[in-house]
Amino acid sequence: MVKAIGIDSGTKSMDIFGFDDESGEIIVDVAVDRNEVTKNPRIIIDILREVQREHGKIDAIVGPSGYGIPLKPAREATDEEIALATFITKSDVERRLKIVGLRELMVLMREAEDLNIYFTPGVIHLPTVPEWRKANRIDLGTSDKIFTVALSILRHAEKEGVPYEKVNLIAVEIGFAYTSAMAVKGGQIVDGMAGTAGFTGYLGMGFMDSELAYALANTLEDFSKLKLFEGGAAYIAGIDPFKVSPEEFVKLAKEDEKVEMGYRAMIEAIVKDVFTLLPSTEPDAIYLSGRFSRIPQFFSDVKEALEDAFSRYGFGIEVRKLESRAKAKEAAEGGAVIANGIAGGKYKELVDVMKLRESSGKIFDWVKLSERDKLKAFERLEL
């Protein structure tokens, strides 16, 4: 019997899901407003301790790990590893961006000796991604994107009755800030179009034209990470994403031409993310997850756009909704599945196939610019 919990650190909420693999009982399924976590990261520790008091010792908890740390118990994480997993400038620390709350939570998790917490890798740390695909990349997929992939592999294996190593798919998470897509071949992540390095998301523009990056770097006195959360579909649509809900955005896109432009940009971006990954895998299915996938009209429109694009090239790939038991986001259940495997539960083989234990390296290791060593300054950020 293994009790396991996963924690997904989203932009809008931090989601916690846990289960007992013998009884199948869900022991926790909650979403906490991310702003509240930023104000007081200890909220998450308190929830975990309450679950442990109610259900007994939790065998493994997979904590939020930002850009990722090679798989290890949280208590073994160094200051440098936590700084890299949450890297920001000192001025952004002073602005108290949400990632500052995440950093403080990771420190609290390291200190919580009564909780068996693990930090996990980002896609960049995985040995299953060829090195040439890592070149000059940082955000191939944050640690929570691996959670989504783990659940996608599990669901596909269950549905099709195949072993994990026979699973080939693309997992797409459409979140409030970003859209990320991960390519899976033989049950392993082999490529990613993720977040700040993919096509347009709802808040974020995704990857940035290098000329625009140059212009901003030489125009703005203090380039904040906040800029990475701008320029996306909501901004193209001309709406305030913090006043207009995703559901309202989808509805307005059918009524307002300008909003429709942003909507089309977001749908087309998902198609482009998926097609960009086709050289890396031959998917048997596409799995959609994340906040936007739960909006029926949006899911229908993405499914139609993808399947229409496939048909134009003479092949068909089924687009599926990633099924989850969680009221919280799907990635939280995926994190719990990984935690179960780490603890030697029924999903141990999945963790082994994905080679999460063989993760290694640092997020700047694959930068091929001559000035790469200067990036090591981020390793000395104060915690």
Protein backbone atom coordinates (compact mmCIF):
# COMPACT_ATOMS: atom_id res chain seq x y z
CA MET A 1 0.00 0.00 0.00
CA VAL A 2 1.46 3.34 -1.08
CA LYS A 3 0.02 6.77 -0.31
CA ALA A 4 1.28 9.42 -2.72
CA ILE A 5 0.68 13.12 -3.42
CA GLY A 6 1.51 15.34 -6.38
CA ILE A 7 1.54 19.15 -6.45
CA ASP A 8 1.13 21.13 -9.66
CA SER A 9 2.31 24.73 -9.51
CA GLY A 10 0.19 26.58 -12.06
CA THR A 11 -0.05 30.30 -12.73
CA LYS A 12 -3.64 30.56 -11.54
CA SER A 13 -3.66 27.93 -8.79
CA MET A 14 -1.45 25.40 -7.02
CA ASP A 15 -3.20 22.03 -7.14
CA ILE A 16 -2.71 19.09 -4.78
CA PHE A 17 -3.90 15.53 -5.46
CA GLY A 18 -3.17 12.31 -3.60
CA PHE A 19 -4.37 8.71 -3.51
CA ASP A 20 -3.92 5.35 -1.82
CA ASP A 21 -2.96 2.79 -4.50
CA GLU A 22 -4.41 -0.18 -2.59
CA SER A 23 -7.90 1.15 -1.86
CA GLY A 24 -7.99 3.69 -4.70
CA GLU A 25 -9.14 6.30 -2.16
CA ILE A 26 -8.47 9.92 -3.02
CA ILE A 27 -6.88 11.42 0.08
CA VAL A 28 -6.58 15.03 -1.11
CA ASP A 29 -7.89 16.98 -4.11
CA VAL A 30 -7.68 20.74 -3.68
CA ALA A 31 -6.68 23.87 -5.58
CA VAL A 32 -5.17 26.86 -3.75
CA ASP A 33 -5.18 30.33 -5.30
CA ARG A 34 -1.60 31.02 -6.40
CA ASN A 35 -1.73 34.56 -5.02
CA GLU A 36 -2.42 33.12 -1.57
CA VAL A 37 0.56 30.81 -1.91
CA THR A 38 2.76 33.76 -2.88
CA LYS A 39 1.62 35.63 0.24
CA ASN A 40 2.09 32.65 2.54
CA PRO A 41 3.81 29.55 1.06
CA ARG A 42 3.40 27.73 4.37
CA ILE A 43 -0.28 27.14 3.43
CA ILE A 44 0.83 24.19 1.28
CA ILE A 45 2.95 22.66 4.07
CA ASP A 46 -0.01 22.96 6.45
CA ILE A 47 -2.29 21.15 3.98
CA LEU A 48 0.22 18.32 3.55
CA ARG A 49 0.61 17.88 7.31
CA GLU A 50 -3.16 17.83 7.77
CA VAL A 51 -3.51 15.09 5.14
CA GLN A 52 -0.77 13.10 6.84
CA ARG A 53 -2.45 13.47 10.24
CA GLU A 54 -5.75 12.25 8.79
CA HIS A 55 -4.50 9.41 6.57
CA GLY A 56 -1.21 8.34 8.12
CA LYS A 57 2.31 8.62 6.79
CA ILE A 58 2.50 9.70 3.14
CA ASP A 59 5.08 7.54 1.38
CA ALA A 60 6.07 10.13 -1.21
CA ILE A 61 5.12 13.68 -2.14
CA VAL A 62 6.27 15.20 -5.42
CA GLY A 63 6.63 18.91 -4.80
CA PRO A 64 6.58 21.76 -7.30
CA SER A 65 10.10 22.15 -8.68
CA GLY A 66 9.95 25.05 -11.16
CA TYR A 67 12.38 24.50 -14.05
CA GLY A 68 13.34 21.27 -12.32
CA ILE A 69 16.00 19.56 -10.23
CA PRO A 70 17.43 16.10 -11.01
CA LEU A 71 15.25 13.69 -9.03
CA LYS A 72 16.14 13.66 -5.34
CA PRO A 73 14.61 14.03 -1.86
CA ALA A 74 13.87 17.69 -1.14
CA ARG A 75 16.06 17.56 1.96
CA GLU A 76 19.09 16.94 -0.29
CA ALA A 77 18.52 19.92 -2.59
CA THR A 78 21.19 22.62 -2.45
CA ASP A 79 20.69 26.39 -2.39
CA GLU A 80 22.11 26.52 -5.91
CA GLU A 81 19.63 23.93 -7.22
CA ILE A 82 16.63 25.76 -5.76
CA ALA A 83 17.94 29.08 -7.12
CA LEU A 84 18.30 27.64 -10.62
CA ALA A 85 14.88 25.98 -10.47
CA THR A 86 13.31 29.38 -9.74
CA PHE A 87 15.80 31.73 -11.38
CA ILE A 88 14.88 35.42 -11.48
CA THR A 89 16.68 38.74 -11.07
CA LYS A 90 17.01 40.51 -7.74
CA SER A 91 14.61 43.22 -8.91
CA ASP A 92 11.96 40.57 -9.61
CA VAL A 93 12.56 39.17 -6.13
CA GLU A 94 11.77 42.64 -4.81
CA ARG A 95 8.61 42.75 -6.96
CA ARG A 96 7.66 39.49 -5.28
CA LEU A 97 6.60 37.65 -8.40
CA LYS A 98 4.79 34.36 -7.92
CA ILE A 99 7.99 32.43 -8.52
CA VAL A 100 9.37 33.98 -5.31
CA GLY A 101 6.59 32.26 -3.37
CA LEU A 102 7.50 29.02 -5.13
CA ARG A 103 11.14 29.44 -4.15
CA GLU A 104 10.20 30.03 -0.52
CA LEU A 105 7.91 26.98 -0.62
CA MET A 106 10.75 24.82 -1.95
CA VAL A 107 12.94 25.95 0.95
CA LEU A 108 10.15 25.11 3.40
CA MET A 109 9.80 21.69 1.78
CA ARG A 110 13.51 21.06 2.17
CA GLU A 111 13.20 21.84 5.87
CA ALA A 112 10.04 19.75 6.46
CA GLU A 113 11.70 16.58 7.73
CA ASP A 114 8.37 15.02 8.71
CA LEU A 115 7.22 15.06 5.05
CA ASN A 116 8.77 12.71 2.48
CA ILE A 117 9.00 15.27 -0.35
CA TYR A 118 10.88 14.88 -3.63
CA PHE A 119 11.92 17.44 -6.21
CA THR A 120 11.77 16.28 -9.81
CA PRO A 121 13.38 17.23 -13.14
CA GLY A 122 12.30 19.42 -15.98
CA VAL A 123 12.43 18.09 -19.53
CA ILE A 124 15.90 19.62 -20.05
CA HIS A 125 17.30 17.26 -17.38
CA LEU A 126 16.06 14.04 -19.01
CA PRO A 127 18.53 11.68 -20.71
CA THR A 128 15.78 10.63 -23.14
CA VAL A 129 15.89 14.01 -24.93
CA PRO A 130 18.77 14.08 -27.46
CA GLU A 131 21.35 16.74 -26.66
CA TRP A 132 20.91 18.53 -29.98
CA ARG A 133 17.30 19.27 -29.02
CA LYS A 134 18.51 20.86 -25.78
CA ALA A 135 20.91 23.25 -27.49
CA ASN A 136 20.28 26.86 -26.40
CA ARG A 137 17.10 25.83 -24.60
CA ILE A 138 16.05 26.24 -20.98
CA ASP A 139 12.29 25.79 -21.06
CA LEU A 140 11.74 22.48 -22.83
CA GLY A 141 9.06 21.87 -20.24
CA THR A 142 8.98 22.64 -16.52
CA SER A 143 8.77 19.87 -13.94
CA ASP A 144 4.96 19.94 -13.82
CA LYS A 145 4.77 19.30 -17.59
CA ILE A 146 6.39 15.93 -16.93
CA PHE A 147 3.49 15.23 -14.55
CA THR A 148 1.04 15.77 -17.40
CA VAL A 149 3.01 13.46 -19.65
CA ALA A 150 3.15 10.72 -16.99
CA LEU A 151 -0.64 10.72 -16.69
CA SER A 152 -1.01 10.75 -20.49
CA ILE A 153 1.27 7.71 -20.86
CA LEU A 154 -0.63 5.91 -18.10
CA ARG A 155 -4.07 6.63 -19.58
CA HIS A 156 -2.97 5.64 -23.09
CA ALA A 157 -1.44 2.38 -21.85
CA GLU A 158 -4.64 1.60 -19.93
CA LYS A 159 -6.96 2.46 -22.84
CA GLU A 160 -5.00 0.64 -25.54
CA GLY A 161 -3.78 -2.27 -23.40
CA VAL A 162 -0.12 -1.72 -24.30
CA PRO A 163 3.01 -1.57 -22.11
CA TYR A 164 4.44 1.85 -21.31
CA GLU A 165 7.38 1.34 -23.66
CA LYS A 166 4.97 1.01 -26.60
CA VAL A 167 3.31 4.39 -26.00
CA ASN A 168 3.80 7.10 -28.64
CA LEU A 169 1.84 10.34 -28.20
CA ILE A 170 1.91 14.10 -27.91
CA ALA A 171 0.63 15.57 -24.64
CA VAL A 172 -0.62 19.16 -24.83
CA GLU A 173 -1.32 21.21 -21.69
CA ILE A 174 -3.29 24.40 -22.36
CA GLY A 175 -2.95 26.50 -19.24
CA PHE A 176 -3.90 30.01 -18.18
CA ALA A 177 -0.46 31.43 -18.97
CA TYR A 178 1.11 29.10 -21.51
CA THR A 179 0.55 26.15 -23.82
CA SER A 180 3.08 23.32 -23.71
CA ALA A 181 3.39 20.21 -25.90
CA MET A 182 5.57 17.17 -25.16
CA ALA A 183 6.55 14.42 -27.61
CA VAL A 184 6.60 10.84 -26.28
CA LYS A 185 8.28 7.98 -28.12
CA GLY A 186 8.51 4.52 -26.61
CA GLY A 187 7.09 5.77 -23.32
CA GLN A 188 9.79 8.45 -22.98
CA ILE A 189 9.79 12.21 -23.43
CA VAL A 190 11.98 12.99 -26.43
CA ASP A 191 11.12 16.62 -27.27
CA GLY A 192 9.05 19.61 -26.19
CA MET A 193 7.50 22.86 -27.36
CA ALA A 194 6.93 24.42 -24.01
CA GLY A 195 5.73 27.57 -22.34
CA THR A 196 8.12 30.41 -23.05
CA ALA A 197 9.72 28.43 -25.90
CA GLY A 198 6.58 27.37 -27.77
CA PHE A 199 3.93 29.13 -29.79
CA THR A 200 1.42 31.66 -28.40
CA GLY A 201 -0.40 30.85 -25.16
CA TYR A 202 -3.26 32.67 -23.44
CA LEU A 203 -1.14 35.13 -21.42
CA GLY A 204 2.35 34.60 -22.78
CA MET A 205 3.52 35.14 -26.34
CA GLY A 206 5.66 32.01 -26.16
CA PHE A 207 9.04 32.22 -27.85
CA MET A 208 10.18 35.73 -28.68
CA ASP A 209 11.52 37.08 -31.96
CA SER A 210 15.23 37.65 -31.27
CA GLU A 211 14.99 41.13 -32.75
CA LEU A 212 12.18 41.95 -30.32
CA ALA A 213 14.28 40.57 -27.45
CA TYR A 214 17.16 42.79 -28.58
CA ALA A 215 14.90 45.85 -28.80
CA LEU A 216 13.42 45.25 -25.34
CA ALA A 217 16.83 44.59 -23.77
CA ASN A 218 18.06 47.92 -25.09
CA THR A 219 14.89 49.90 -24.34
CA LEU A 220 13.66 48.74 -20.94
CA GLU A 221 15.83 49.69 -18.00
CA ASP A 222 14.79 46.63 -16.05
CA PHE A 223 13.54 43.65 -18.06
CA SER A 224 11.19 41.73 -15.75
CA LYS A 225 10.04 38.13 -16.09
CA LEU A 226 6.55 39.64 -16.01
CA LYS A 227 7.05 40.41 -19.73
CA LEU A 228 7.04 36.68 -20.39
CA PHE A 229 3.42 36.62 -19.23
CA GLU A 230 2.29 39.16 -21.83
CA GLY A 231 1.65 39.32 -25.56
CA GLY A 232 -0.42 36.16 -25.84
CA ALA A 233 -3.89 35.45 -27.22
CA ALA A 234 -5.64 37.60 -24.60
CA TYR A 235 -3.51 40.60 -25.60
CA ILE A 236 -4.10 39.96 -29.30
CA ALA A 237 -7.83 39.85 -28.51
CA GLY A 238 -7.59 43.16 -26.64
CA ILE A 239 -9.09 41.84 -23.40
CA ASP A 240 -7.91 41.94 -19.80
CA PRO A 241 -7.24 38.27 -18.96
CA PHE A 242 -7.57 38.99 -15.25
CA LYS A 243 -11.07 40.41 -15.69
CA VAL A 244 -12.35 38.23 -18.54
CA SER A 245 -12.43 34.52 -17.66
CA PRO A 246 -11.24 31.86 -20.13
CA GLU A 247 -14.88 30.78 -20.51
CA GLU A 248 -15.91 34.34 -21.39
CA PHE A 249 -12.99 34.61 -23.82
CA VAL A 250 -14.22 31.52 -25.69
CA LYS A 251 -17.76 32.88 -25.79
CA LEU A 252 -16.70 36.38 -26.92
CA ALA A 253 -14.63 34.90 -29.74
CA LYS A 254 -17.89 33.86 -31.41
CA GLU A 255 -19.29 37.39 -31.13
CA ASP A 256 -16.43 39.88 -31.50
CA GLU A 257 -14.04 40.04 -34.49
CA LYS A 258 -11.06 41.33 -32.50
CA VAL A 259 -11.45 38.69 -29.81
CA GLU A 260 -11.77 36.11 -32.58
CA MET A 261 -8.30 37.12 -33.79
CA GLY A 262 -6.80 36.21 -30.43
CA TYR A 263 -8.81 33.01 -30.31
CA ARG A 264 -7.64 31.95 -33.76
CA ALA A 265 -4.05 32.74 -32.82
CA MET A 266 -4.30 30.46 -29.79
CA ILE A 267 -5.94 27.59 -31.67
CA GLU A 268 -3.46 27.83 -34.54
CA ALA A 269 -0.57 27.97 -32.08
CA ILE A 270 -1.62 24.60 -30.61
CA VAL A 271 -1.68 23.07 -34.09
CA LYS A 272 1.79 24.50 -34.77
CA ASP A 273 3.15 23.17 -31.46
CA VAL A 274 1.91 19.68 -32.32
CA PHE A 275 3.16 19.73 -35.92
CA THR A 276 6.57 20.96 -34.80
CA LEU A 277 6.93 17.77 -32.73
CA LEU A 278 5.99 15.33 -35.53
CA PRO A 279 9.63 14.80 -36.62
CA SER A 280 10.35 13.57 -33.07
CA THR A 281 7.58 10.97 -32.74
CA GLU A 282 4.81 9.23 -34.65
CA PRO A 283 1.92 9.74 -32.21
CA ASP A 284 -0.94 7.29 -31.92
CA ALA A 285 -2.99 9.99 -30.16
CA ILE A 286 -2.91 13.60 -29.00
CA TYR A 287 -3.95 14.21 -25.38
CA LEU A 288 -5.26 17.64 -24.35
CA SER A 289 -5.23 18.81 -20.73
CA GLY A 290 -5.12 22.01 -18.71
CA ARG A 291 -7.57 24.73 -17.77
CA PHE A 292 -8.72 25.51 -21.32
CA SER A 293 -9.27 21.88 -22.28
CA ARG A 294 -12.08 21.73 -19.71
CA ILE A 295 -14.11 24.27 -21.70
CA PRO A 296 -16.23 22.08 -24.05
CA GLN A 297 -16.34 24.57 -26.95
CA PHE A 298 -12.58 25.20 -26.78
CA PHE A 299 -11.80 21.48 -26.68
CA SER A 300 -14.09 20.91 -29.65
CA ASP A 301 -12.46 23.71 -31.66
CA VAL A 302 -8.92 22.47 -30.97
CA LYS A 303 -9.86 18.88 -31.78
CA GLU A 304 -11.44 20.00 -35.07
CA ALA A 305 -8.45 22.17 -36.00
CA LEU A 306 -5.93 19.41 -35.32
CA GLU A 307 -7.86 16.65 -37.04
CA ASP A 308 -8.53 18.89 -40.05
CA ALA A 309 -4.82 19.72 -40.31
CA PHE A 310 -3.91 16.02 -40.11
CA SER A 311 -6.44 15.10 -42.81
CA ARG A 312 -4.94 17.64 -45.21
CA TYR A 313 -1.69 15.69 -45.05
CA GLY A 314 -3.41 12.37 -45.54
CA PHE A 315 -3.27 10.85 -42.07
CA GLY A 316 -5.48 10.67 -39.02
CA ILE A 317 -4.57 10.95 -35.34
CA GLU A 318 -7.27 10.90 -32.67
CA VAL A 319 -7.40 13.91 -30.35
CA ARG A 320 -8.47 12.93 -26.83
CA LYS A 321 -9.24 14.68 -23.56
CA LEU A 322 -6.84 13.53 -20.85
CA GLU A 323 -9.02 11.81 -18.29
CA SER A 324 -8.29 12.55 -14.66
CA ARG A 325 -9.88 11.70 -11.33
CA ALA A 326 -8.80 15.08 -10.02
CA LYS A 327 -11.08 18.06 -9.56
CA ALA A 328 -7.72 19.83 -9.38
CA LYS A 329 -5.69 20.01 -12.60
CA GLU A 330 -4.62 16.83 -14.38
CA ALA A 331 -0.95 17.54 -13.73
CA ALA A 332 -1.53 17.16 -9.98
CA GLU A 333 -2.72 13.58 -10.50
CA GLY A 334 0.25 12.99 -12.80
CA GLY A 335 2.54 14.22 -10.03
CA ALA A 336 0.91 11.78 -7.62
CA VAL A 337 1.44 8.94 -10.12
CA ILE A 338 5.15 9.81 -10.23
CA ALA A 339 5.28 10.02 -6.42
CA ASN A 340 3.69 6.57 -6.25
CA GLY A 341 6.34 5.20 -8.60
CA ILE A 342 9.17 6.82 -6.64
CA ALA A 343 7.87 5.10 -3.49
CA GLY A 344 7.84 1.71 -5.22
CA GLY A 345 4.07 1.57 -5.76
CA LYS A 346 2.08 0.23 -8.70
CA TYR A 347 3.50 2.89 -11.06
CA LYS A 348 7.17 2.18 -10.35
CA GLU A 349 7.60 0.76 -13.86
CA LEU A 350 6.32 4.00 -15.40
CA VAL A 351 8.95 6.05 -13.53
CA ASP A 352 11.59 3.54 -14.64
CA VAL A 353 10.55 3.66 -18.30
CA MET A 354 10.55 7.48 -18.28
CA LYS A 355 14.09 7.39 -16.79
CA LEU A 356 13.30 10.09 -14.26
CA ARG A 357 15.90 8.72 -11.83
CA GLU A 358 18.61 9.17 -14.49
CA SER A 359 17.93 12.91 -14.81
CA SER A 360 20.98 15.15 -14.49
CA GLY A 361 22.57 18.50 -15.28
CA LYS A 362 21.70 22.18 -14.82
CA ILE A 363 19.39 24.33 -16.90
CA PHE A 364 22.22 26.39 -18.46
CA ASP A 365 24.38 23.38 -19.41
CA TRP A 366 23.21 23.30 -23.03
CA VAL A 367 23.57 27.01 -23.83
CA LYS A 368 26.09 27.22 -26.68
CA LEU A 369 26.87 30.94 -26.61
CA SER A 370 30.39 32.17 -25.86
CA GLU A 371 29.16 34.15 -22.86
CA ARG A 372 27.47 31.17 -21.20
CA ASP A 373 29.61 31.31 -18.06
CA LYS A 374 28.09 34.68 -17.17
CA LEU A 375 24.76 32.94 -16.68
CA LYS A 376 26.24 31.23 -13.64
CA ALA A 377 25.56 34.46 -11.77
CA PHE A 378 22.01 33.19 -11.37
CA GLU A 379 23.35 30.34 -9.27
CA ARG A 380 24.29 32.86 -6.59
CA LEU A 381 20.85 34.38 -6.12
CA GLU A 382 19.94 34.72 -2.48
CA LEU A 383 17.28 32.37 -1.15
